[in-house]
Amino acid sequence: MSGEPILRLENVHKRFGKLEVLRGINLDVGRGEVVCVIGPSGSGKSTLLRCINLLEPPEQGRIFLDGDEITAIARSDRVDEVRQRMGMVFQQFNLFPHKSALENVCLAQVKVLGRDEREARGRAEALLARVGLADKLDEYPDRLSGGQQQRVAIARALAMDPHVMLFDEVTSALDPELVKDVLDVMRELAAEGMTMVVVTHEMGFAREVGSKVVFMDGGVVVEEGAPAEVLDSPRHERTQRFLGRVLEH
């Protein structure tokens, strides 16, 4: 986690019509860091992730990945090269319903990375075993629980060998008893040194696994720092109020 950050945002703005959702975001993510982004609904957290991987190109500001300015190619035919370097896991699982777990993890490897089917299958089998689904290779999404589908989605993202993983409230659509299995996979990734930006309401995960916690509200970063600083001794009144409600709940 030394040297230049692997991911840097400088004065990033994003609007939808007259609504300014991001209002000048500055953020550095060091190599191997786990940055947990918290805040109320509508604060811009998910839009932040979508701007980072250029699903929503920002109108203003710059984003750097591995020292390269990726916002410069946001509307070019090279945008998929950027997305190959950033895995993203969404709140909804977005699996192909007509393909098995194994096929879901193989598809982009073959179509995007150009791996032959044998290599892709071997990688997919290893990753599904890694997320605890070695016995579910041939199951279709409708035969898997929500937590299992989310773990397939994580394996699919990892299959692209990303430099950074983005997680957008990946446990919020799950039944409470299924949350732990998904968070355990994320804990293992963090322990292995994967760089991660995690939008989450799981304060325990942020405290335990996060290198840094970022509190957003109204499209700006209100406060950021070590988990113990932000979660236990927040400086800003807005952070204090948010955490008071969330932790009490």
C-alpha atoms as a PDB file:
ATOM      1  CA  MET A   1       0.000   0.000   0.000  1.00  0.00           C
ATOM      2  CA  SER A   2       2.895   2.307  -0.727  1.00  0.00           C
ATOM      3  CA  GLY A   3       3.666   4.506  -3.707  1.00  0.00           C
ATOM      4  CA  GLU A   4       1.122   5.827  -6.172  1.00  0.00           C
ATOM      5  CA  PRO A   5      -2.505   4.874  -5.558  1.00  0.00           C
ATOM      6  CA  ILE A   6      -3.850   2.221  -7.907  1.00  0.00           C
ATOM      7  CA  LEU A   7      -7.059   4.257  -8.237  1.00  0.00           C
ATOM      8  CA  ARG A   8      -7.381   8.048  -8.005  1.00  0.00           C
ATOM      9  CA  LEU A   9     -10.405  10.311  -8.455  1.00  0.00           C
ATOM     10  CA  GLU A  10      -9.903  14.051  -8.921  1.00  0.00           C
ATOM     11  CA  ASN A  11     -12.877  16.433  -8.682  1.00  0.00           C
ATOM     12  CA  VAL A  12     -15.354  13.963 -10.205  1.00  0.00           C
ATOM     13  CA  HIS A  13     -18.817  15.346 -11.019  1.00  0.00           C
ATOM     14  CA  LYS A  14     -21.832  13.449 -12.356  1.00  0.00           C
ATOM     15  CA  ARG A  15     -25.234  14.866 -13.283  1.00  0.00           C
ATOM     16  CA  PHE A  16     -28.487  13.323 -14.404  1.00  0.00           C
ATOM     17  CA  GLY A  17     -30.355  16.190 -16.008  1.00  0.00           C
ATOM     18  CA  LYS A  18     -30.460  19.003 -13.462  1.00  0.00           C
ATOM     19  CA  LEU A  19     -29.637  16.648 -10.567  1.00  0.00           C
ATOM     20  CA  GLU A  20     -25.973  16.781  -9.572  1.00  0.00           C
ATOM     21  CA  VAL A  21     -25.357  13.381  -7.982  1.00  0.00           C
ATOM     22  CA  LEU A  22     -21.585  13.669  -7.496  1.00  0.00           C
ATOM     23  CA  ARG A  23     -20.243  17.107  -6.613  1.00  0.00           C
ATOM     24  CA  GLY A  24     -16.463  17.012  -6.746  1.00  0.00           C
ATOM     25  CA  ILE A  25     -15.264  13.641  -5.427  1.00  0.00           C
ATOM     26  CA  ASN A  26     -11.578  13.278  -4.567  1.00  0.00           C
ATOM     27  CA  LEU A  27     -10.457   9.819  -3.498  1.00  0.00           C
ATOM     28  CA  ASP A  28      -7.241   7.786  -3.457  1.00  0.00           C
ATOM     29  CA  VAL A  29      -7.275   3.985  -3.193  1.00  0.00           C
ATOM     30  CA  GLY A  30      -3.931   2.373  -2.443  1.00  0.00           C
ATOM     31  CA  ARG A  31      -2.899  -0.989  -3.826  1.00  0.00           C
ATOM     32  CA  GLY A  32      -4.270  -3.688  -1.523  1.00  0.00           C
ATOM     33  CA  GLU A  33      -6.593  -1.308   0.322  1.00  0.00           C
ATOM     34  CA  VAL A  34     -10.212  -2.069   1.160  1.00  0.00           C
ATOM     35  CA  VAL A  35     -12.126   1.228   1.010  1.00  0.00           C
ATOM     36  CA  CYS A  36     -15.628   0.963   2.483  1.00  0.00           C
ATOM     37  CA  VAL A  37     -18.048   3.658   1.324  1.00  0.00           C
ATOM     38  CA  ILE A  38     -21.000   4.317   3.635  1.00  0.00           C
ATOM     39  CA  GLY A  39     -23.807   6.853   3.698  1.00  0.00           C
ATOM     40  CA  PRO A  40     -27.561   7.290   3.377  1.00  0.00           C
ATOM     41  CA  SER A  41     -29.583   6.284   0.329  1.00  0.00           C
ATOM     42  CA  GLY A  42     -29.257   8.830  -2.446  1.00  0.00           C
ATOM     43  CA  SER A  43     -25.847  10.059  -1.345  1.00  0.00           C
ATOM     44  CA  GLY A  44     -24.185   9.027  -4.625  1.00  0.00           C
ATOM     45  CA  LYS A  45     -22.403   5.862  -3.484  1.00  0.00           C
ATOM     46  CA  SER A  46     -23.562   3.576  -6.309  1.00  0.00           C
ATOM     47  CA  THR A  47     -23.088   6.313  -8.897  1.00  0.00           C
ATOM     48  CA  LEU A  48     -19.525   6.672  -7.639  1.00  0.00           C
ATOM     49  CA  LEU A  49     -18.802   3.019  -8.450  1.00  0.00           C
ATOM     50  CA  ARG A  50     -20.503   3.294 -11.837  1.00  0.00           C
ATOM     51  CA  CYS A  51     -18.321   6.289 -12.668  1.00  0.00           C
ATOM     52  CA  ILE A  52     -15.176   4.453 -11.588  1.00  0.00           C
ATOM     53  CA  ASN A  53     -15.760   1.662 -14.117  1.00  0.00           C
ATOM     54  CA  LEU A  54     -17.157   4.112 -16.695  1.00  0.00           C
ATOM     55  CA  LEU A  55     -20.680   2.735 -16.808  1.00  0.00           C
ATOM     56  CA  GLU A  56     -21.584   6.377 -16.125  1.00  0.00           C
ATOM     57  CA  PRO A  57     -18.821   8.598 -17.555  1.00  0.00           C
ATOM     58  CA  PRO A  58     -18.396  11.714 -15.389  1.00  0.00           C
ATOM     59  CA  GLU A  59     -19.011  15.133 -16.932  1.00  0.00           C
ATOM     60  CA  GLN A  60     -16.111  16.682 -15.069  1.00  0.00           C
ATOM     61  CA  GLY A  61     -13.001  15.483 -13.290  1.00  0.00           C
ATOM     62  CA  ARG A  62     -10.452  12.754 -13.913  1.00  0.00           C
ATOM     63  CA  ILE A  63     -10.093   9.123 -12.875  1.00  0.00           C
ATOM     64  CA  PHE A  64      -6.758   7.305 -12.960  1.00  0.00           C
ATOM     65  CA  LEU A  65      -6.212   3.532 -12.860  1.00  0.00           C
ATOM     66  CA  ASP A  66      -2.634   2.294 -12.491  1.00  0.00           C
ATOM     67  CA  GLY A  67      -1.500   5.814 -13.388  1.00  0.00           C
ATOM     68  CA  ASP A  68      -3.473   5.917 -16.662  1.00  0.00           C
ATOM     69  CA  GLU A  69      -6.255   8.479 -17.035  1.00  0.00           C
ATOM     70  CA  ILE A  70      -9.243   6.325 -17.929  1.00  0.00           C
ATOM     71  CA  THR A  71     -11.759   9.168 -18.208  1.00  0.00           C
ATOM     72  CA  ALA A  72      -9.970  10.188 -21.409  1.00  0.00           C
ATOM     73  CA  ILE A  73     -11.215   7.008 -23.105  1.00  0.00           C
ATOM     74  CA  ALA A  74     -14.637   6.832 -21.445  1.00  0.00           C
ATOM     75  CA  ARG A  75     -16.499   7.259 -24.733  1.00  0.00           C
ATOM     76  CA  SER A  76     -14.040   5.446 -26.976  1.00  0.00           C
ATOM     77  CA  ASP A  77     -13.973   1.880 -28.258  1.00  0.00           C
ATOM     78  CA  ARG A  78     -11.285   1.119 -25.656  1.00  0.00           C
ATOM     79  CA  VAL A  79     -13.642   1.382 -22.689  1.00  0.00           C
ATOM     80  CA  ASP A  80     -13.923  -2.412 -22.412  1.00  0.00           C
ATOM     81  CA  GLU A  81     -10.165  -2.599 -21.844  1.00  0.00           C
ATOM     82  CA  VAL A  82     -10.689  -0.537 -18.697  1.00  0.00           C
ATOM     83  CA  ARG A  83     -13.578  -2.674 -17.471  1.00  0.00           C
ATOM     84  CA  GLN A  84     -11.470  -5.806 -17.834  1.00  0.00           C
ATOM     85  CA  ARG A  85      -9.182  -4.358 -15.167  1.00  0.00           C
ATOM     86  CA  MET A  86     -12.049  -3.661 -12.753  1.00  0.00           C
ATOM     87  CA  GLY A  87     -14.417  -6.366 -11.596  1.00  0.00           C
ATOM     88  CA  MET A  88     -17.834  -5.164 -10.459  1.00  0.00           C
ATOM     89  CA  VAL A  89     -20.400  -7.063  -8.410  1.00  0.00           C
ATOM     90  CA  PHE A  90     -23.868  -5.564  -8.234  1.00  0.00           C
ATOM     91  CA  GLN A  91     -26.682  -5.689  -5.694  1.00  0.00           C
ATOM     92  CA  GLN A  92     -28.692  -7.741  -8.184  1.00  0.00           C
ATOM     93  CA  PHE A  93     -26.759 -10.769  -9.346  1.00  0.00           C
ATOM     94  CA  ASN A  94     -27.160 -10.241 -13.118  1.00  0.00           C
ATOM     95  CA  LEU A  95     -26.404 -13.864 -13.965  1.00  0.00           C
ATOM     96  CA  PHE A  96     -27.496 -15.318 -17.281  1.00  0.00           C
ATOM     97  CA  PRO A  97     -30.528 -17.428 -16.279  1.00  0.00           C
ATOM     98  CA  HIS A  98     -30.140 -19.883 -19.173  1.00  0.00           C
ATOM     99  CA  LYS A  99     -26.528 -20.733 -18.304  1.00  0.00           C
ATOM    100  CA  SER A 100     -25.156 -22.834 -15.474  1.00  0.00           C
ATOM    101  CA  ALA A 101     -22.891 -21.434 -12.777  1.00  0.00           C
ATOM    102  CA  LEU A 102     -19.878 -22.801 -14.638  1.00  0.00           C
ATOM    103  CA  GLU A 103     -21.022 -21.323 -17.959  1.00  0.00           C
ATOM    104  CA  ASN A 104     -21.657 -17.934 -16.337  1.00  0.00           C
ATOM    105  CA  VAL A 105     -18.051 -17.826 -15.124  1.00  0.00           C
ATOM    106  CA  CYS A 106     -16.606 -19.114 -18.409  1.00  0.00           C
ATOM    107  CA  LEU A 107     -18.433 -16.872 -20.863  1.00  0.00           C
ATOM    108  CA  ALA A 108     -16.554 -13.574 -20.574  1.00  0.00           C
ATOM    109  CA  GLN A 109     -13.222 -15.360 -20.317  1.00  0.00           C
ATOM    110  CA  VAL A 110     -13.793 -16.831 -23.780  1.00  0.00           C
ATOM    111  CA  LYS A 111     -15.595 -13.890 -25.408  1.00  0.00           C
ATOM    112  CA  VAL A 112     -13.585 -11.001 -23.938  1.00  0.00           C
ATOM    113  CA  LEU A 113     -10.206 -12.371 -22.861  1.00  0.00           C
ATOM    114  CA  GLY A 114      -9.954 -14.892 -25.699  1.00  0.00           C
ATOM    115  CA  ARG A 115      -9.124 -17.839 -23.468  1.00  0.00           C
ATOM    116  CA  ASP A 116      -9.724 -21.258 -24.952  1.00  0.00           C
ATOM    117  CA  GLU A 117     -12.633 -23.148 -23.450  1.00  0.00           C
ATOM    118  CA  ARG A 118     -10.488 -25.658 -21.590  1.00  0.00           C
ATOM    119  CA  GLU A 119      -8.465 -22.952 -19.828  1.00  0.00           C
ATOM    120  CA  ALA A 120     -11.618 -20.970 -19.048  1.00  0.00           C
ATOM    121  CA  ARG A 121     -13.309 -24.016 -17.585  1.00  0.00           C
ATOM    122  CA  GLY A 122     -10.323 -24.790 -15.364  1.00  0.00           C
ATOM    123  CA  ARG A 123     -10.232 -21.211 -14.096  1.00  0.00           C
ATOM    124  CA  ALA A 124     -13.997 -21.215 -13.522  1.00  0.00           C
ATOM    125  CA  GLU A 125     -13.919 -24.497 -11.596  1.00  0.00           C
ATOM    126  CA  ALA A 126     -11.106 -23.221  -9.375  1.00  0.00           C
ATOM    127  CA  LEU A 127     -12.898 -19.940  -8.655  1.00  0.00           C
ATOM    128  CA  LEU A 128     -16.247 -21.587  -7.913  1.00  0.00           C
ATOM    129  CA  ALA A 129     -14.461 -23.907  -5.503  1.00  0.00           C
ATOM    130  CA  ARG A 130     -12.793 -20.879  -3.940  1.00  0.00           C
ATOM    131  CA  VAL A 131     -16.192 -19.301  -3.189  1.00  0.00           C
ATOM    132  CA  GLY A 132     -17.554 -22.570  -1.790  1.00  0.00           C
ATOM    133  CA  LEU A 133     -19.560 -23.735  -4.807  1.00  0.00           C
ATOM    134  CA  ALA A 134     -17.543 -26.681  -6.125  1.00  0.00           C
ATOM    135  CA  ASP A 135     -20.676 -28.839  -5.908  1.00  0.00           C
ATOM    136  CA  LYS A 136     -22.867 -26.347  -7.843  1.00  0.00           C
ATOM    137  CA  LEU A 137     -21.033 -26.124 -11.174  1.00  0.00           C
ATOM    138  CA  ASP A 138     -23.942 -27.364 -13.273  1.00  0.00           C
ATOM    139  CA  GLU A 139     -26.751 -25.656 -11.362  1.00  0.00           C
ATOM    140  CA  TYR A 140     -28.731 -22.884 -13.030  1.00  0.00           C
ATOM    141  CA  PRO A 141     -29.352 -19.601 -11.183  1.00  0.00           C
ATOM    142  CA  ASP A 142     -32.979 -20.425 -10.353  1.00  0.00           C
ATOM    143  CA  ARG A 143     -31.730 -23.471  -8.426  1.00  0.00           C
ATOM    144  CA  LEU A 144     -29.321 -21.418  -6.329  1.00  0.00           C
ATOM    145  CA  SER A 145     -30.005 -19.290  -3.259  1.00  0.00           C
ATOM    146  CA  GLY A 146     -29.412 -15.560  -3.420  1.00  0.00           C
ATOM    147  CA  GLY A 147     -26.153 -15.930  -1.523  1.00  0.00           C
ATOM    148  CA  GLN A 148     -24.978 -18.654  -3.892  1.00  0.00           C
ATOM    149  CA  GLN A 149     -25.875 -16.540  -6.924  1.00  0.00           C
ATOM    150  CA  GLN A 150     -23.919 -13.627  -5.487  1.00  0.00           C
ATOM    151  CA  ARG A 151     -20.895 -15.861  -4.972  1.00  0.00           C
ATOM    152  CA  VAL A 152     -21.138 -16.981  -8.612  1.00  0.00           C
ATOM    153  CA  ALA A 153     -21.176 -13.294  -9.560  1.00  0.00           C
ATOM    154  CA  ILE A 154     -18.017 -12.722  -7.498  1.00  0.00           C
ATOM    155  CA  ALA A 155     -16.316 -15.703  -9.161  1.00  0.00           C
ATOM    156  CA  ARG A 156     -17.332 -14.353 -12.580  1.00  0.00           C
ATOM    157  CA  ALA A 157     -15.749 -10.972 -11.801  1.00  0.00           C
ATOM    158  CA  LEU A 158     -12.564 -12.580 -10.471  1.00  0.00           C
ATOM    159  CA  ALA A 159     -12.252 -14.691 -13.624  1.00  0.00           C
ATOM    160  CA  MET A 160     -11.247 -11.557 -15.522  1.00  0.00           C
ATOM    161  CA  ASP A 161      -8.154 -11.145 -13.290  1.00  0.00           C
ATOM    162  CA  PRO A 162      -9.115  -7.600 -12.242  1.00  0.00           C
ATOM    163  CA  HIS A 163      -6.731  -5.118 -10.637  1.00  0.00           C
ATOM    164  CA  VAL A 164      -9.568  -3.665  -8.534  1.00  0.00           C
ATOM    165  CA  MET A 165     -12.876  -5.139  -7.345  1.00  0.00           C
ATOM    166  CA  LEU A 166     -15.960  -2.922  -6.909  1.00  0.00           C
ATOM    167  CA  PHE A 167     -18.842  -4.160  -4.723  1.00  0.00           C
ATOM    168  CA  ASP A 168     -22.171  -2.306  -4.777  1.00  0.00           C
ATOM    169  CA  GLU A 169     -24.195  -3.233  -1.669  1.00  0.00           C
ATOM    170  CA  VAL A 170     -23.828  -6.888  -2.596  1.00  0.00           C
ATOM    171  CA  THR A 171     -25.533  -8.211   0.545  1.00  0.00           C
ATOM    172  CA  SER A 172     -28.527  -5.858   0.676  1.00  0.00           C
ATOM    173  CA  ALA A 173     -30.795  -8.117  -1.417  1.00  0.00           C
ATOM    174  CA  LEU A 174     -29.962 -11.231   0.614  1.00  0.00           C
ATOM    175  CA  ASP A 175     -31.774 -12.879   3.490  1.00  0.00           C
ATOM    176  CA  PRO A 176     -29.814 -12.256   6.711  1.00  0.00           C
ATOM    177  CA  GLU A 177     -28.685 -15.873   7.062  1.00  0.00           C
ATOM    178  CA  LEU A 178     -27.067 -15.745   3.607  1.00  0.00           C
ATOM    179  CA  VAL A 179     -25.054 -12.580   4.191  1.00  0.00           C
ATOM    180  CA  LYS A 180     -22.207 -14.220   6.121  1.00  0.00           C
ATOM    181  CA  ASP A 181     -21.155 -16.550   3.281  1.00  0.00           C
ATOM    182  CA  VAL A 182     -20.766 -13.633   0.869  1.00  0.00           C
ATOM    183  CA  LEU A 183     -18.902 -11.461   3.391  1.00  0.00           C
ATOM    184  CA  ASP A 184     -16.584 -14.380   4.199  1.00  0.00           C
ATOM    185  CA  VAL A 185     -15.565 -14.564   0.530  1.00  0.00           C
ATOM    186  CA  MET A 186     -14.884 -10.815   0.565  1.00  0.00           C
ATOM    187  CA  ARG A 187     -12.848 -11.158   3.759  1.00  0.00           C
ATOM    188  CA  GLU A 188     -10.697 -13.803   2.075  1.00  0.00           C
ATOM    189  CA  LEU A 189     -10.135 -11.583  -0.952  1.00  0.00           C
ATOM    190  CA  ALA A 190      -9.064  -8.734   1.330  1.00  0.00           C
ATOM    191  CA  ALA A 191      -6.684 -11.029   3.208  1.00  0.00           C
ATOM    192  CA  GLU A 192      -5.120 -12.044  -0.110  1.00  0.00           C
ATOM    193  CA  GLY A 193      -4.415  -8.407  -0.962  1.00  0.00           C
ATOM    194  CA  MET A 194      -7.178  -7.652  -3.470  1.00  0.00           C
ATOM    195  CA  THR A 195      -7.823  -3.916  -3.866  1.00  0.00           C
ATOM    196  CA  MET A 196     -11.517  -3.333  -3.171  1.00  0.00           C
ATOM    197  CA  VAL A 197     -13.982  -0.449  -3.099  1.00  0.00           C
ATOM    198  CA  VAL A 198     -17.050  -1.610  -1.184  1.00  0.00           C
ATOM    199  CA  VAL A 199     -20.329   0.292  -0.921  1.00  0.00           C
ATOM    200  CA  THR A 200     -21.929  -1.280   2.132  1.00  0.00           C
ATOM    201  CA  HIS A 201     -24.305  -0.968   5.065  1.00  0.00           C
ATOM    202  CA  GLU A 202     -22.414  -3.731   6.901  1.00  0.00           C
ATOM    203  CA  MET A 203     -20.663  -1.667   9.579  1.00  0.00           C
ATOM    204  CA  GLY A 204     -19.091  -4.729  11.181  1.00  0.00           C
ATOM    205  CA  PHE A 205     -17.431  -5.627   7.888  1.00  0.00           C
ATOM    206  CA  ALA A 206     -16.246  -2.034   7.411  1.00  0.00           C
ATOM    207  CA  ARG A 207     -14.760  -1.988  10.903  1.00  0.00           C
ATOM    208  CA  GLU A 208     -13.097  -5.403  10.645  1.00  0.00           C
ATOM    209  CA  VAL A 209     -11.886  -5.484   7.038  1.00  0.00           C
ATOM    210  CA  GLY A 210     -11.745  -1.882   5.851  1.00  0.00           C
ATOM    211  CA  SER A 211      -8.454  -0.041   5.486  1.00  0.00           C
ATOM    212  CA  LYS A 212     -10.397   3.196   5.167  1.00  0.00           C
ATOM    213  CA  VAL A 213     -14.016   4.264   5.605  1.00  0.00           C
ATOM    214  CA  VAL A 214     -15.492   7.022   3.433  1.00  0.00           C
ATOM    215  CA  PHE A 215     -18.768   8.659   4.497  1.00  0.00           C
ATOM    216  CA  MET A 216     -20.714  10.266   1.645  1.00  0.00           C
ATOM    217  CA  ASP A 217     -23.765  12.502   1.756  1.00  0.00           C
ATOM    218  CA  GLY A 218     -25.286  14.799  -0.841  1.00  0.00           C
ATOM    219  CA  GLY A 219     -22.794  13.779  -3.503  1.00  0.00           C
ATOM    220  CA  VAL A 220     -19.674  14.740  -1.543  1.00  0.00           C
ATOM    221  CA  VAL A 221     -17.186  12.986   0.728  1.00  0.00           C
ATOM    222  CA  VAL A 222     -18.032  14.357   4.167  1.00  0.00           C
ATOM    223  CA  GLU A 223     -15.431  12.406   6.098  1.00  0.00           C
ATOM    224  CA  GLU A 224     -12.843   9.688   5.557  1.00  0.00           C
ATOM    225  CA  GLY A 225     -10.286   7.930   7.676  1.00  0.00           C
ATOM    226  CA  ALA A 226      -9.399   4.719   9.465  1.00  0.00           C
ATOM    227  CA  PRO A 227     -12.466   2.650  10.428  1.00  0.00           C
ATOM    228  CA  ALA A 228     -11.974   3.258  14.154  1.00  0.00           C
ATOM    229  CA  GLU A 229     -11.755   7.019  13.599  1.00  0.00           C
ATOM    230  CA  VAL A 230     -14.834   7.360  11.399  1.00  0.00           C
ATOM    231  CA  LEU A 231     -17.052   4.755  13.067  1.00  0.00           C
ATOM    232  CA  ASP A 232     -16.123   5.372  16.711  1.00  0.00           C
ATOM    233  CA  SER A 233     -15.130   9.043  16.772  1.00  0.00           C
ATOM    234  CA  PRO A 234     -16.637  10.807  13.761  1.00  0.00           C
ATOM    235  CA  ARG A 235     -15.749  14.489  13.543  1.00  0.00           C
ATOM    236  CA  HIS A 236     -18.680  15.758  11.500  1.00  0.00           C
ATOM    237  CA  GLU A 237     -22.182  16.164  12.887  1.00  0.00           C
ATOM    238  CA  ARG A 238     -23.721  14.610   9.756  1.00  0.00           C
ATOM    239  CA  THR A 239     -21.581  11.474  10.160  1.00  0.00           C
ATOM    240  CA  GLN A 240     -22.469  11.284  13.856  1.00  0.00           C
ATOM    241  CA  ARG A 241     -26.183  11.514  13.074  1.00  0.00           C
ATOM    242  CA  PHE A 242     -26.023   8.839  10.349  1.00  0.00           C
ATOM    243  CA  LEU A 243     -24.042   6.399  12.476  1.00  0.00           C
ATOM    244  CA  GLY A 244     -26.261   7.013  15.476  1.00  0.00           C
ATOM    245  CA  ARG A 245     -29.268   5.893  13.488  1.00  0.00           C
ATOM    246  CA  VAL A 246     -27.569   2.988  11.708  1.00  0.00           C
ATOM    247  CA  LEU A 247     -25.823   1.524  14.763  1.00  0.00           C
ATOM    248  CA  GLU A 248     -28.909   1.928  16.914  1.00  0.00           C
ATOM    249  CA  HIS A 249     -30.943   0.077  14.270  1.00  0.00           C
END
